[in-house]
Amino acid sequence: MIKSLSHAAHLLPMINQEGNAQPGEGLTALQTFTYFVFAPVAIFAVIALISWFASAPKKAKTEVLNHIAD
């Protein structure tokens, strides 16, 4: 049983690969940070600001003077 588990663990990286798939170049630390941290946080902030502005309480309108006071 242990031998079959070790054999399955050895083949695990091959399971996720398609036939003839070649991995590309790795990402730099800056690219990784930009793609997986900065971009999602920026998108979240933009959506939050849009929703905050859309749901912010409106200012009460001042009453318009319709007649001249004597």
Protein backbone atom coordinates (compact mmCIF):
# COMPACT_ATOMS: atom_id res chain seq x y z
CA MET A 1 0.00 0.00 0.00
CA ILE A 2 2.83 2.44 0.83
CA LYS A 3 4.48 1.63 -2.47
CA SER A 4 1.30 2.44 -4.40
CA LEU A 5 0.91 5.71 -2.47
CA SER A 6 4.49 6.73 -3.19
CA HIS A 7 3.99 5.86 -6.85
CA ALA A 8 0.77 7.97 -6.96
CA ALA A 9 2.56 10.87 -5.22
CA HIS A 10 5.33 10.67 -7.82
CA LEU A 11 2.80 10.92 -10.66
CA LEU A 12 0.80 13.75 -9.06
CA PRO A 13 2.58 16.60 -10.90
CA MET A 14 1.89 14.87 -14.21
CA ILE A 15 -1.85 14.64 -13.57
CA ASN A 16 -2.39 18.39 -13.91
CA GLN A 17 -0.45 18.73 -17.17
CA GLU A 18 -2.09 18.43 -20.55
CA GLY A 19 -0.36 16.42 -23.23
CA ASN A 20 2.72 18.17 -24.66
CA ALA A 21 2.20 21.17 -22.37
CA GLN A 22 5.36 23.14 -21.67
CA PRO A 23 5.50 25.53 -18.73
CA GLY A 24 6.33 29.14 -19.55
CA GLU A 25 8.70 31.49 -17.80
CA GLY A 26 8.05 32.20 -14.16
CA LEU A 27 6.79 35.53 -12.88
CA THR A 28 9.01 38.02 -11.11
CA ALA A 29 8.17 39.04 -7.55
CA LEU A 30 6.90 42.42 -8.80
CA GLN A 31 4.65 40.80 -11.40
CA THR A 32 3.31 38.35 -8.82
CA PHE A 33 2.54 41.19 -6.39
CA THR A 34 0.92 43.27 -9.12
CA TYR A 35 -1.26 40.47 -10.52
CA PHE A 36 -2.33 38.80 -7.30
CA VAL A 37 -2.30 41.58 -4.68
CA PHE A 38 -2.36 45.09 -6.14
CA ALA A 39 -4.82 44.52 -8.99
CA PRO A 40 -7.50 42.77 -6.88
CA VAL A 41 -7.20 45.37 -4.10
CA ALA A 42 -7.44 48.22 -6.63
CA ILE A 43 -10.49 46.68 -8.31
CA PHE A 44 -12.13 46.16 -4.90
CA ALA A 45 -11.42 49.79 -3.93
CA VAL A 46 -12.90 51.13 -7.18
CA ILE A 47 -16.06 49.04 -6.79
CA ALA A 48 -16.36 50.07 -3.13
CA LEU A 49 -16.02 53.77 -4.00
CA ILE A 50 -18.60 53.52 -6.77
CA SER A 51 -21.08 51.77 -4.48
CA TRP A 52 -20.38 54.24 -1.65
CA PHE A 53 -21.02 57.25 -3.91
CA ALA A 54 -24.14 55.61 -5.31
CA SER A 55 -25.63 54.91 -1.87
CA ALA A 56 -24.44 58.02 -0.01
CA PRO A 57 -27.20 60.06 1.60
CA LYS A 58 -28.32 62.94 -0.56
CA LYS A 59 -28.19 66.52 0.72
CA ALA A 60 -31.57 68.07 1.43
CA LYS A 61 -32.57 70.66 -1.14
CA THR A 62 -33.00 74.19 0.15
CA GLU A 63 -36.41 75.73 -0.27
CA VAL A 64 -36.71 77.94 -3.31
CA LEU A 65 -37.97 81.49 -2.81
CA ASN A 66 -41.22 81.70 -4.77
CA HIS A 67 -42.41 85.16 -3.81
CA ILE A 68 -41.03 88.53 -2.76
CA ALA A 69 -41.48 89.26 0.92
CA ASP A 70 -43.12 92.62 1.71
